[in-house]
Amino acid sequence: MVNWSMLKLLLMNRPFLWLLFLFNLLGSIYGFYWYGNQMADTPWYWNFFVPDSPTSSSFFTLVVLLWLLRRTSPVLEMLSMVTNIKYGIWACGVIITYWSANGTVDAIDLMLMLSHGAMAVEVVLYNFNYKFDRSVLWIGACWLLFNDFVDYVYGIHPWLQDERFTADIQFWTPMLSLAVLVFVALLRRGTARSK
């Protein structure tokens, strides 16, 4: 049985937070490197919307840094939560879809599954320390849904292995955005800005 009080103490322990900051910072840097070729292949004015996952992990990296500095940003916390859950689940879902179709699992995909799964899990684990309430979720809704629009109308979604599942992914991605927004609204139910 997990002792939630002890887990909270560990999660907010400053040396642990510094490690979390460092791992997320390095992961974000690697993520931007991973998207380098796609960003080079994309018109500059869309480049902000290309690296979804490293942008998400950068949000959480900044949130952790603010906690270490004993500061907080409710909007940044909200963006870190909705984007990390969405893109963590999205990446895992896409990878599993191709695994199922190809019948093979490779080491890079396994690394991507673990790292993206961790993105979604870590922001939910830290829900107890977030200060945002549901009133700022409309900003997250605009962010996620506009990003989905840009990704699939202008074709700047993350590169896929091939085009077999593009239509399915195009349908399910905004559905996932909406599901994440509902989930976060339920998770943050009863929170107040004064918390």
C-alpha atoms as a PDB file:
ATOM      1  CA  MET A   1       0.000   0.000   0.000  1.00  0.00           C
ATOM      2  CA  VAL A   2       1.383   3.426  -1.007  1.00  0.00           C
ATOM      3  CA  ASN A   3       1.771   5.923   1.796  1.00  0.00           C
ATOM      4  CA  TRP A   4       0.586   9.081  -0.004  1.00  0.00           C
ATOM      5  CA  SER A   5       2.002  11.465   2.627  1.00  0.00           C
ATOM      6  CA  MET A   6       5.466   9.919   2.304  1.00  0.00           C
ATOM      7  CA  LEU A   7       5.221   9.974  -1.492  1.00  0.00           C
ATOM      8  CA  LYS A   8       4.344  13.690  -1.447  1.00  0.00           C
ATOM      9  CA  LEU A   9       7.355  14.386   0.785  1.00  0.00           C
ATOM     10  CA  LEU A  10       9.622  12.517  -1.627  1.00  0.00           C
ATOM     11  CA  LEU A  11       8.153  14.231  -4.704  1.00  0.00           C
ATOM     12  CA  MET A  12       8.670  17.686  -3.166  1.00  0.00           C
ATOM     13  CA  ASN A  13      12.126  16.917  -1.735  1.00  0.00           C
ATOM     14  CA  ARG A  14      14.465  19.535  -3.204  1.00  0.00           C
ATOM     15  CA  PRO A  15      17.249  17.147  -4.334  1.00  0.00           C
ATOM     16  CA  PHE A  16      14.565  15.006  -6.000  1.00  0.00           C
ATOM     17  CA  LEU A  17      13.073  18.093  -7.691  1.00  0.00           C
ATOM     18  CA  TRP A  18      16.514  19.074  -8.989  1.00  0.00           C
ATOM     19  CA  LEU A  19      16.923  15.586 -10.464  1.00  0.00           C
ATOM     20  CA  LEU A  20      13.462  15.817 -12.001  1.00  0.00           C
ATOM     21  CA  PHE A  21      14.331  19.230 -13.432  1.00  0.00           C
ATOM     22  CA  LEU A  22      17.585  17.908 -14.899  1.00  0.00           C
ATOM     23  CA  PHE A  23      16.021  14.788 -16.462  1.00  0.00           C
ATOM     24  CA  ASN A  24      13.195  16.803 -17.993  1.00  0.00           C
ATOM     25  CA  LEU A  25      15.595  19.477 -19.244  1.00  0.00           C
ATOM     26  CA  LEU A  26      17.831  16.884 -20.925  1.00  0.00           C
ATOM     27  CA  GLY A  27      14.793  15.069 -22.325  1.00  0.00           C
ATOM     28  CA  SER A  28      13.423  18.326 -23.723  1.00  0.00           C
ATOM     29  CA  ILE A  29      16.754  19.206 -25.359  1.00  0.00           C
ATOM     30  CA  TYR A  30      16.938  15.732 -26.908  1.00  0.00           C
ATOM     31  CA  GLY A  31      13.324  16.080 -28.065  1.00  0.00           C
ATOM     32  CA  PHE A  32      14.061  19.333 -29.907  1.00  0.00           C
ATOM     33  CA  TYR A  33      17.100  17.632 -31.483  1.00  0.00           C
ATOM     34  CA  TRP A  34      14.842  14.699 -32.514  1.00  0.00           C
ATOM     35  CA  TYR A  35      12.530  17.123 -34.353  1.00  0.00           C
ATOM     36  CA  GLY A  36      15.438  18.967 -36.026  1.00  0.00           C
ATOM     37  CA  ASN A  37      14.945  17.481 -39.496  1.00  0.00           C
ATOM     38  CA  GLN A  38      11.189  18.023 -39.451  1.00  0.00           C
ATOM     39  CA  MET A  39      11.614  21.613 -38.283  1.00  0.00           C
ATOM     40  CA  ALA A  40      14.154  22.215 -41.069  1.00  0.00           C
ATOM     41  CA  ASP A  41      11.606  20.798 -43.529  1.00  0.00           C
ATOM     42  CA  THR A  42       8.762  23.004 -42.226  1.00  0.00           C
ATOM     43  CA  PRO A  43       8.140  26.693 -43.036  1.00  0.00           C
ATOM     44  CA  TRP A  44       9.664  28.747 -40.211  1.00  0.00           C
ATOM     45  CA  TYR A  45       6.333  30.287 -39.191  1.00  0.00           C
ATOM     46  CA  TRP A  46       4.952  26.824 -38.254  1.00  0.00           C
ATOM     47  CA  ASN A  47       8.065  25.632 -36.418  1.00  0.00           C
ATOM     48  CA  PHE A  48       6.658  26.521 -32.999  1.00  0.00           C
ATOM     49  CA  PHE A  49       3.922  23.907 -33.537  1.00  0.00           C
ATOM     50  CA  VAL A  50       6.164  21.056 -34.727  1.00  0.00           C
ATOM     51  CA  PRO A  51       7.925  19.775 -31.550  1.00  0.00           C
ATOM     52  CA  ASP A  52       4.806  18.955 -29.487  1.00  0.00           C
ATOM     53  CA  SER A  53       6.394  16.610 -26.947  1.00  0.00           C
ATOM     54  CA  PRO A  54       9.568  18.584 -26.162  1.00  0.00           C
ATOM     55  CA  THR A  55       7.514  21.763 -25.851  1.00  0.00           C
ATOM     56  CA  SER A  56       5.274  19.922 -23.376  1.00  0.00           C
ATOM     57  CA  SER A  57       8.182  18.578 -21.343  1.00  0.00           C
ATOM     58  CA  SER A  58       9.733  22.080 -21.398  1.00  0.00           C
ATOM     59  CA  PHE A  59       6.562  23.425 -19.785  1.00  0.00           C
ATOM     60  CA  PHE A  60       6.929  20.916 -16.959  1.00  0.00           C
ATOM     61  CA  THR A  61      10.668  21.636 -16.688  1.00  0.00           C
ATOM     62  CA  LEU A  62       9.846  25.315 -16.158  1.00  0.00           C
ATOM     63  CA  VAL A  63       7.129  24.441 -13.624  1.00  0.00           C
ATOM     64  CA  VAL A  64       9.635  22.396 -11.594  1.00  0.00           C
ATOM     65  CA  LEU A  65      12.174  25.221 -11.796  1.00  0.00           C
ATOM     66  CA  LEU A  66       9.563  27.653 -10.484  1.00  0.00           C
ATOM     67  CA  TRP A  67       8.800  25.306  -7.589  1.00  0.00           C
ATOM     68  CA  LEU A  68      12.512  25.170  -6.786  1.00  0.00           C
ATOM     69  CA  LEU A  69      12.524  28.978  -6.777  1.00  0.00           C
ATOM     70  CA  ARG A  70       9.402  28.904  -4.565  1.00  0.00           C
ATOM     71  CA  ARG A  71       7.303  30.478  -7.294  1.00  0.00           C
ATOM     72  CA  THR A  72       4.307  29.316  -9.268  1.00  0.00           C
ATOM     73  CA  SER A  73       2.509  30.043 -12.540  1.00  0.00           C
ATOM     74  CA  PRO A  74      -1.034  28.625 -12.730  1.00  0.00           C
ATOM     75  CA  VAL A  75      -1.264  29.003 -16.527  1.00  0.00           C
ATOM     76  CA  LEU A  76       2.113  27.322 -17.071  1.00  0.00           C
ATOM     77  CA  GLU A  77       1.118  24.516 -14.679  1.00  0.00           C
ATOM     78  CA  MET A  78      -2.125  23.989 -16.571  1.00  0.00           C
ATOM     79  CA  LEU A  79      -0.358  23.955 -19.944  1.00  0.00           C
ATOM     80  CA  SER A  80       2.215  21.495 -18.622  1.00  0.00           C
ATOM     81  CA  MET A  81      -0.534  19.189 -17.385  1.00  0.00           C
ATOM     82  CA  VAL A  82      -2.776  19.150 -20.455  1.00  0.00           C
ATOM     83  CA  THR A  83       0.055  18.960 -23.002  1.00  0.00           C
ATOM     84  CA  ASN A  84       2.090  16.286 -21.216  1.00  0.00           C
ATOM     85  CA  ILE A  85      -0.943  14.061 -20.697  1.00  0.00           C
ATOM     86  CA  LYS A  86      -2.120  14.574 -24.283  1.00  0.00           C
ATOM     87  CA  TYR A  87       1.207  14.063 -26.069  1.00  0.00           C
ATOM     88  CA  GLY A  88       2.368  11.355 -23.676  1.00  0.00           C
ATOM     89  CA  ILE A  89      -0.744   9.302 -24.443  1.00  0.00           C
ATOM     90  CA  TRP A  90      -0.704  10.268 -28.137  1.00  0.00           C
ATOM     91  CA  ALA A  91       2.849   9.031 -28.677  1.00  0.00           C
ATOM     92  CA  CYS A  92       2.215   5.776 -26.795  1.00  0.00           C
ATOM     93  CA  GLY A  93      -0.978   5.188 -28.789  1.00  0.00           C
ATOM     94  CA  VAL A  94       0.728   5.784 -32.147  1.00  0.00           C
ATOM     95  CA  ILE A  95       3.678   3.558 -31.256  1.00  0.00           C
ATOM     96  CA  ILE A  96       1.392   0.726 -30.099  1.00  0.00           C
ATOM     97  CA  THR A  97      -0.669   1.083 -33.302  1.00  0.00           C
ATOM     98  CA  TYR A  98       2.422   0.539 -35.463  1.00  0.00           C
ATOM     99  CA  TRP A  99       3.710  -2.242 -33.202  1.00  0.00           C
ATOM    100  CA  SER A 100       0.419  -4.076 -33.628  1.00  0.00           C
ATOM    101  CA  ALA A 101       0.460  -3.631 -37.393  1.00  0.00           C
ATOM    102  CA  ASN A 102       4.144  -4.484 -37.887  1.00  0.00           C
ATOM    103  CA  GLY A 103       4.413  -7.227 -35.298  1.00  0.00           C
ATOM    104  CA  THR A 104       7.790  -5.906 -34.166  1.00  0.00           C
ATOM    105  CA  VAL A 105       9.083  -3.823 -31.254  1.00  0.00           C
ATOM    106  CA  ASP A 106      12.395  -1.990 -31.494  1.00  0.00           C
ATOM    107  CA  ALA A 107      14.553  -0.351 -28.849  1.00  0.00           C
ATOM    108  CA  ILE A 108      13.963   3.227 -30.003  1.00  0.00           C
ATOM    109  CA  ASP A 109      10.186   2.793 -29.887  1.00  0.00           C
ATOM    110  CA  LEU A 110      10.493   1.252 -26.431  1.00  0.00           C
ATOM    111  CA  MET A 111      12.523   4.260 -25.248  1.00  0.00           C
ATOM    112  CA  LEU A 112       9.920   6.609 -26.755  1.00  0.00           C
ATOM    113  CA  MET A 113       7.096   4.687 -25.057  1.00  0.00           C
ATOM    114  CA  LEU A 114       8.776   4.887 -21.647  1.00  0.00           C
ATOM    115  CA  SER A 115       9.716   8.561 -21.933  1.00  0.00           C
ATOM    116  CA  HIS A 116       6.310   9.671 -23.245  1.00  0.00           C
ATOM    117  CA  GLY A 117       4.468   7.514 -20.736  1.00  0.00           C
ATOM    118  CA  ALA A 118       6.546   9.155 -17.992  1.00  0.00           C
ATOM    119  CA  MET A 119       5.513  12.598 -19.282  1.00  0.00           C
ATOM    120  CA  ALA A 120       1.847  11.794 -18.685  1.00  0.00           C
ATOM    121  CA  VAL A 121       2.403  10.077 -15.338  1.00  0.00           C
ATOM    122  CA  GLU A 122       4.626  12.723 -13.753  1.00  0.00           C
ATOM    123  CA  VAL A 123       2.196  15.614 -14.264  1.00  0.00           C
ATOM    124  CA  VAL A 124      -0.670  13.592 -12.777  1.00  0.00           C
ATOM    125  CA  LEU A 125       1.519  12.622  -9.811  1.00  0.00           C
ATOM    126  CA  TYR A 126       2.169  16.298  -9.113  1.00  0.00           C
ATOM    127  CA  ASN A 127      -1.509  17.268  -9.300  1.00  0.00           C
ATOM    128  CA  PHE A 128      -1.467  17.830  -5.512  1.00  0.00           C
ATOM    129  CA  ASN A 129       1.032  20.690  -5.886  1.00  0.00           C
ATOM    130  CA  TYR A 130      -0.514  22.527  -8.811  1.00  0.00           C
ATOM    131  CA  LYS A 131      -2.195  25.844  -8.048  1.00  0.00           C
ATOM    132  CA  PHE A 132      -4.362  26.312 -11.139  1.00  0.00           C
ATOM    133  CA  ASP A 133      -8.113  25.964 -11.141  1.00  0.00           C
ATOM    134  CA  ARG A 134     -10.450  25.045 -13.979  1.00  0.00           C
ATOM    135  CA  SER A 135     -11.030  28.673 -14.968  1.00  0.00           C
ATOM    136  CA  VAL A 136      -7.784  28.691 -16.992  1.00  0.00           C
ATOM    137  CA  LEU A 137      -8.536  25.482 -18.902  1.00  0.00           C
ATOM    138  CA  TRP A 138      -9.944  27.448 -21.837  1.00  0.00           C
ATOM    139  CA  ILE A 139      -6.339  28.492 -22.601  1.00  0.00           C
ATOM    140  CA  GLY A 140      -5.335  24.824 -22.696  1.00  0.00           C
ATOM    141  CA  ALA A 141      -8.332  24.042 -24.920  1.00  0.00           C
ATOM    142  CA  CYS A 142      -7.284  26.752 -27.394  1.00  0.00           C
ATOM    143  CA  TRP A 143      -3.684  25.517 -27.323  1.00  0.00           C
ATOM    144  CA  LEU A 144      -4.488  21.842 -27.908  1.00  0.00           C
ATOM    145  CA  LEU A 145      -7.239  22.280 -30.486  1.00  0.00           C
ATOM    146  CA  PHE A 146      -5.427  24.950 -32.503  1.00  0.00           C
ATOM    147  CA  ASN A 147      -2.355  22.725 -32.523  1.00  0.00           C
ATOM    148  CA  ASP A 148      -4.487  19.812 -33.790  1.00  0.00           C
ATOM    149  CA  PHE A 149      -5.918  22.076 -36.494  1.00  0.00           C
ATOM    150  CA  VAL A 150      -2.462  23.192 -37.632  1.00  0.00           C
ATOM    151  CA  ASP A 151      -1.074  19.646 -37.469  1.00  0.00           C
ATOM    152  CA  TYR A 152      -3.694  18.048 -39.679  1.00  0.00           C
ATOM    153  CA  VAL A 153      -4.813  20.900 -41.916  1.00  0.00           C
ATOM    154  CA  TYR A 154      -1.289  22.065 -42.738  1.00  0.00           C
ATOM    155  CA  GLY A 155       0.347  18.646 -42.357  1.00  0.00           C
ATOM    156  CA  ILE A 156       2.894  19.498 -39.672  1.00  0.00           C
ATOM    157  CA  HIS A 157       1.953  16.656 -37.311  1.00  0.00           C
ATOM    158  CA  PRO A 158       4.885  14.544 -36.088  1.00  0.00           C
ATOM    159  CA  TRP A 159       6.289  12.389 -38.851  1.00  0.00           C
ATOM    160  CA  LEU A 160       4.862   8.873 -38.845  1.00  0.00           C
ATOM    161  CA  GLN A 161       6.432   5.610 -40.026  1.00  0.00           C
ATOM    162  CA  ASP A 162       4.149   5.736 -43.061  1.00  0.00           C
ATOM    163  CA  GLU A 163       0.703   6.944 -44.067  1.00  0.00           C
ATOM    164  CA  ARG A 164      -1.284   3.800 -43.153  1.00  0.00           C
ATOM    165  CA  PHE A 165      -2.881   5.300 -40.059  1.00  0.00           C
ATOM    166  CA  THR A 166      -2.830   9.034 -40.809  1.00  0.00           C
ATOM    167  CA  ALA A 167      -6.609   9.280 -41.262  1.00  0.00           C
ATOM    168  CA  ASP A 168      -7.248   7.394 -38.003  1.00  0.00           C
ATOM    169  CA  ILE A 169      -4.728   9.498 -36.107  1.00  0.00           C
ATOM    170  CA  GLN A 170      -6.223  12.674 -37.600  1.00  0.00           C
ATOM    171  CA  PHE A 171      -9.640  11.656 -36.248  1.00  0.00           C
ATOM    172  CA  TRP A 172      -8.511  10.467 -32.807  1.00  0.00           C
ATOM    173  CA  THR A 173      -6.091  13.297 -32.005  1.00  0.00           C
ATOM    174  CA  PRO A 174      -8.745  16.013 -31.380  1.00  0.00           C
ATOM    175  CA  MET A 175     -10.859  13.410 -29.556  1.00  0.00           C
ATOM    176  CA  LEU A 176      -7.871  12.815 -27.269  1.00  0.00           C
ATOM    177  CA  SER A 177      -7.498  16.579 -26.742  1.00  0.00           C
ATOM    178  CA  LEU A 178     -11.126  16.831 -25.624  1.00  0.00           C
ATOM    179  CA  ALA A 179     -10.807  13.762 -23.382  1.00  0.00           C
ATOM    180  CA  VAL A 180      -7.687  15.213 -21.726  1.00  0.00           C
ATOM    181  CA  LEU A 181      -9.444  18.529 -21.081  1.00  0.00           C
ATOM    182  CA  VAL A 182     -12.389  16.713 -19.454  1.00  0.00           C
ATOM    183  CA  PHE A 183     -10.012  14.545 -17.403  1.00  0.00           C
ATOM    184  CA  VAL A 184      -8.050  17.565 -16.147  1.00  0.00           C
ATOM    185  CA  ALA A 185     -11.285  19.451 -15.374  1.00  0.00           C
ATOM    186  CA  LEU A 186     -12.404  16.487 -13.247  1.00  0.00           C
ATOM    187  CA  LEU A 187      -8.970  16.161 -11.652  1.00  0.00           C
ATOM    188  CA  ARG A 188      -8.980  19.848 -10.702  1.00  0.00           C
ATOM    189  CA  ARG A 189     -12.586  19.876  -9.496  1.00  0.00           C
ATOM    190  CA  GLY A 190     -12.926  21.777  -6.246  1.00  0.00           C
ATOM    191  CA  THR A 191      -9.587  23.572  -6.545  1.00  0.00           C
ATOM    192  CA  ALA A 192      -9.435  27.297  -6.076  1.00  0.00           C
ATOM    193  CA  ARG A 193      -7.002  29.972  -7.053  1.00  0.00           C
ATOM    194  CA  SER A 194      -6.360  30.716  -3.411  1.00  0.00           C
ATOM    195  CA  LYS A 195      -5.151  27.165  -2.751  1.00  0.00           C
END
